[in-house]
Amino acid sequence: MPLYETVFITRQDLGAAQVEQLTKDYSKILTDMGGKILKTEQWGLRTFAYRINKAKKGHYTLVEFDAPAPALHEMERLMRNSEDIVRYMSIKLDAPSTGPSAVIDKTRTYNEEEAA
């Protein structure tokens, strides 16, 4: 099965528990359709570079998973219909990531070997 990474942004007025519950709900959709969750990260409440629907901030969440394409499409369909999701983006990965993401690991630096 292909590997995917989805980052979604939820409204700023949601609490941490509500964001965690949304993440669990979307993860359950993926696992029920034959997928496997590899990594989940809560990036917290972050400021946008520009306003989105009159909002200045949002809760960012990353989910990395191995799932069939119909599971991804179903999750994205539900995100599109949800009023709590401000934006989402899914990309296909070549290989699973190792360690925390660059947003979480501030000590990580860019070098030529990682770029290749």
C-alpha atoms as a PDB file:
ATOM      1  CA  MET A   1       0.000   0.000   0.000  1.00  0.00           C
ATOM      2  CA  PRO A   2       1.195   3.540  -0.639  1.00  0.00           C
ATOM      3  CA  LEU A   3       2.416   5.807   2.138  1.00  0.00           C
ATOM      4  CA  TYR A   4       0.719   9.153   2.687  1.00  0.00           C
ATOM      5  CA  GLU A   5       1.187  12.159   4.924  1.00  0.00           C
ATOM      6  CA  THR A   6      -1.722  14.460   5.745  1.00  0.00           C
ATOM      7  CA  VAL A   7      -1.472  17.765   7.572  1.00  0.00           C
ATOM      8  CA  PHE A   8      -4.740  19.366   8.583  1.00  0.00           C
ATOM      9  CA  ILE A   9      -5.600  22.591  10.374  1.00  0.00           C
ATOM     10  CA  THR A  10      -8.550  22.867  12.736  1.00  0.00           C
ATOM     11  CA  ARG A  11     -10.280  25.993  14.015  1.00  0.00           C
ATOM     12  CA  GLN A  12      -8.561  27.969  16.766  1.00  0.00           C
ATOM     13  CA  ASP A  13     -11.562  27.900  19.107  1.00  0.00           C
ATOM     14  CA  LEU A  14     -11.399  24.095  19.485  1.00  0.00           C
ATOM     15  CA  GLY A  15      -9.756  22.712  22.592  1.00  0.00           C
ATOM     16  CA  ALA A  16      -6.839  20.293  22.600  1.00  0.00           C
ATOM     17  CA  ALA A  17      -9.146  17.434  23.566  1.00  0.00           C
ATOM     18  CA  GLN A  18     -11.441  18.152  20.606  1.00  0.00           C
ATOM     19  CA  VAL A  19      -8.492  18.260  18.196  1.00  0.00           C
ATOM     20  CA  GLU A  20      -7.240  14.947  19.620  1.00  0.00           C
ATOM     21  CA  GLN A  21     -10.716  13.432  19.150  1.00  0.00           C
ATOM     22  CA  LEU A  22     -10.863  14.600  15.516  1.00  0.00           C
ATOM     23  CA  THR A  23      -7.452  13.014  14.928  1.00  0.00           C
ATOM     24  CA  LYS A  24      -8.663   9.736  16.439  1.00  0.00           C
ATOM     25  CA  ASP A  25     -11.823   9.825  14.306  1.00  0.00           C
ATOM     26  CA  TYR A  26      -9.890  10.292  11.061  1.00  0.00           C
ATOM     27  CA  SER A  27      -7.344   7.664  12.101  1.00  0.00           C
ATOM     28  CA  LYS A  28     -10.186   5.212  12.783  1.00  0.00           C
ATOM     29  CA  ILE A  29     -11.555   5.770   9.274  1.00  0.00           C
ATOM     30  CA  LEU A  30      -8.157   4.870   7.817  1.00  0.00           C
ATOM     31  CA  THR A  31      -7.690   1.772   9.977  1.00  0.00           C
ATOM     32  CA  ASP A  32     -11.254   0.549   9.355  1.00  0.00           C
ATOM     33  CA  MET A  33     -10.576   0.631   5.611  1.00  0.00           C
ATOM     34  CA  GLY A  34      -7.392  -1.433   5.896  1.00  0.00           C
ATOM     35  CA  GLY A  35      -4.795   1.236   6.623  1.00  0.00           C
ATOM     36  CA  LYS A  36      -2.158   1.532   9.312  1.00  0.00           C
ATOM     37  CA  ILE A  37      -1.199   4.717  11.190  1.00  0.00           C
ATOM     38  CA  LEU A  38       2.587   5.156  11.296  1.00  0.00           C
ATOM     39  CA  LYS A  39       2.900   8.493  13.098  1.00  0.00           C
ATOM     40  CA  THR A  40       0.716  11.235  14.549  1.00  0.00           C
ATOM     41  CA  GLU A  41       2.003  14.617  15.716  1.00  0.00           C
ATOM     42  CA  GLN A  42       0.152  17.536  17.265  1.00  0.00           C
ATOM     43  CA  TRP A  43       1.966  20.745  16.303  1.00  0.00           C
ATOM     44  CA  GLY A  44      -0.264  22.901  18.473  1.00  0.00           C
ATOM     45  CA  LEU A  45      -1.855  26.295  17.933  1.00  0.00           C
ATOM     46  CA  ARG A  46       0.138  28.223  15.331  1.00  0.00           C
ATOM     47  CA  THR A  47      -0.299  31.613  13.672  1.00  0.00           C
ATOM     48  CA  PHE A  48      -1.169  31.699   9.963  1.00  0.00           C
ATOM     49  CA  ALA A  49       0.901  33.646   7.468  1.00  0.00           C
ATOM     50  CA  TYR A  50      -2.372  35.241   6.299  1.00  0.00           C
ATOM     51  CA  ARG A  51      -5.994  35.168   7.444  1.00  0.00           C
ATOM     52  CA  ILE A  52      -8.104  32.178   6.481  1.00  0.00           C
ATOM     53  CA  ASN A  53     -11.858  32.699   6.856  1.00  0.00           C
ATOM     54  CA  LYS A  54     -11.177  35.656   9.189  1.00  0.00           C
ATOM     55  CA  ALA A  55      -9.080  33.443  11.511  1.00  0.00           C
ATOM     56  CA  LYS A  56      -5.487  34.209  12.477  1.00  0.00           C
ATOM     57  CA  LYS A  57      -4.554  30.885  14.127  1.00  0.00           C
ATOM     58  CA  GLY A  58      -5.259  27.160  13.913  1.00  0.00           C
ATOM     59  CA  HIS A  59      -4.342  23.810  15.446  1.00  0.00           C
ATOM     60  CA  TYR A  60      -1.971  21.863  13.161  1.00  0.00           C
ATOM     61  CA  THR A  61      -1.895  18.052  13.096  1.00  0.00           C
ATOM     62  CA  LEU A  62       0.256  15.632  11.060  1.00  0.00           C
ATOM     63  CA  VAL A  63      -0.788  12.032  10.347  1.00  0.00           C
ATOM     64  CA  GLU A  64       1.495   9.651   8.468  1.00  0.00           C
ATOM     65  CA  PHE A  65      -0.150   6.421   7.331  1.00  0.00           C
ATOM     66  CA  ASP A  66      -0.044   3.428   5.026  1.00  0.00           C
ATOM     67  CA  ALA A  67      -3.483   2.973   3.461  1.00  0.00           C
ATOM     68  CA  PRO A  68      -5.240   2.180   0.197  1.00  0.00           C
ATOM     69  CA  ALA A  69      -6.324   5.114  -1.955  1.00  0.00           C
ATOM     70  CA  PRO A  70     -10.075   4.729  -1.204  1.00  0.00           C
ATOM     71  CA  ALA A  71      -9.351   5.212   2.515  1.00  0.00           C
ATOM     72  CA  LEU A  72      -7.511   8.464   1.762  1.00  0.00           C
ATOM     73  CA  HIS A  73     -10.353   9.658  -0.458  1.00  0.00           C
ATOM     74  CA  GLU A  74     -12.942   8.911   2.235  1.00  0.00           C
ATOM     75  CA  MET A  75     -10.930  10.760   4.892  1.00  0.00           C
ATOM     76  CA  GLU A  76     -10.499  13.779   2.597  1.00  0.00           C
ATOM     77  CA  ARG A  77     -14.219  13.746   1.757  1.00  0.00           C
ATOM     78  CA  LEU A  78     -15.100  13.892   5.442  1.00  0.00           C
ATOM     79  CA  MET A  79     -12.534  16.664   6.034  1.00  0.00           C
ATOM     80  CA  ARG A  80     -14.005  18.673   3.175  1.00  0.00           C
ATOM     81  CA  ASN A  81     -17.478  18.421   4.741  1.00  0.00           C
ATOM     82  CA  SER A  82     -16.353  19.219   8.292  1.00  0.00           C
ATOM     83  CA  GLU A  83     -16.774  22.753   9.614  1.00  0.00           C
ATOM     84  CA  ASP A  84     -13.940  22.185  12.113  1.00  0.00           C
ATOM     85  CA  ILE A  85     -11.284  21.645   9.420  1.00  0.00           C
ATOM     86  CA  VAL A  86      -9.895  24.880   7.971  1.00  0.00           C
ATOM     87  CA  ARG A  87      -7.414  23.346   5.487  1.00  0.00           C
ATOM     88  CA  TYR A  88      -5.856  19.961   4.743  1.00  0.00           C
ATOM     89  CA  MET A  89      -3.193  18.621   2.412  1.00  0.00           C
ATOM     90  CA  SER A  90      -2.195  15.049   1.640  1.00  0.00           C
ATOM     91  CA  ILE A  91       0.964  13.972  -0.159  1.00  0.00           C
ATOM     92  CA  LYS A  92       2.309  10.597  -1.206  1.00  0.00           C
ATOM     93  CA  LEU A  93       5.615   9.569   0.379  1.00  0.00           C
ATOM     94  CA  ASP A  94       8.370   7.389  -1.063  1.00  0.00           C
ATOM     95  CA  ALA A  95       9.463   6.047   2.330  1.00  0.00           C
ATOM     96  CA  PRO A  96       8.303   6.444   5.928  1.00  0.00           C
ATOM     97  CA  SER A  97       9.980   9.242   7.843  1.00  0.00           C
ATOM     98  CA  THR A  98      12.335   8.538  10.698  1.00  0.00           C
ATOM     99  CA  GLY A  99      12.138  10.505  13.892  1.00  0.00           C
ATOM    100  CA  PRO A 100      10.075  13.611  14.551  1.00  0.00           C
ATOM    101  CA  SER A 101       9.178  16.079  11.812  1.00  0.00           C
ATOM    102  CA  ALA A 102      11.149  19.269  11.223  1.00  0.00           C
ATOM    103  CA  VAL A 103       8.430  21.316  12.916  1.00  0.00           C
ATOM    104  CA  ILE A 104       8.861  19.379  16.168  1.00  0.00           C
ATOM    105  CA  ASP A 105      12.642  18.831  16.026  1.00  0.00           C
ATOM    106  CA  LYS A 106      14.105  22.339  16.099  1.00  0.00           C
ATOM    107  CA  THR A 107      17.706  21.036  16.314  1.00  0.00           C
ATOM    108  CA  ARG A 108      17.507  19.413  12.888  1.00  0.00           C
ATOM    109  CA  THR A 109      19.575  21.246  10.278  1.00  0.00           C
ATOM    110  CA  TYR A 110      19.593  21.106   6.525  1.00  0.00           C
ATOM    111  CA  ASN A 111      22.513  19.339   4.881  1.00  0.00           C
ATOM    112  CA  GLU A 112      23.248  18.019   1.408  1.00  0.00           C
ATOM    113  CA  GLU A 113      22.912  14.314   2.345  1.00  0.00           C
ATOM    114  CA  GLU A 114      19.298  14.717   3.506  1.00  0.00           C
ATOM    115  CA  ALA A 115      18.398  16.597   0.324  1.00  0.00           C
ATOM    116  CA  ALA A 116      19.633  13.798  -1.963  1.00  0.00           C
END
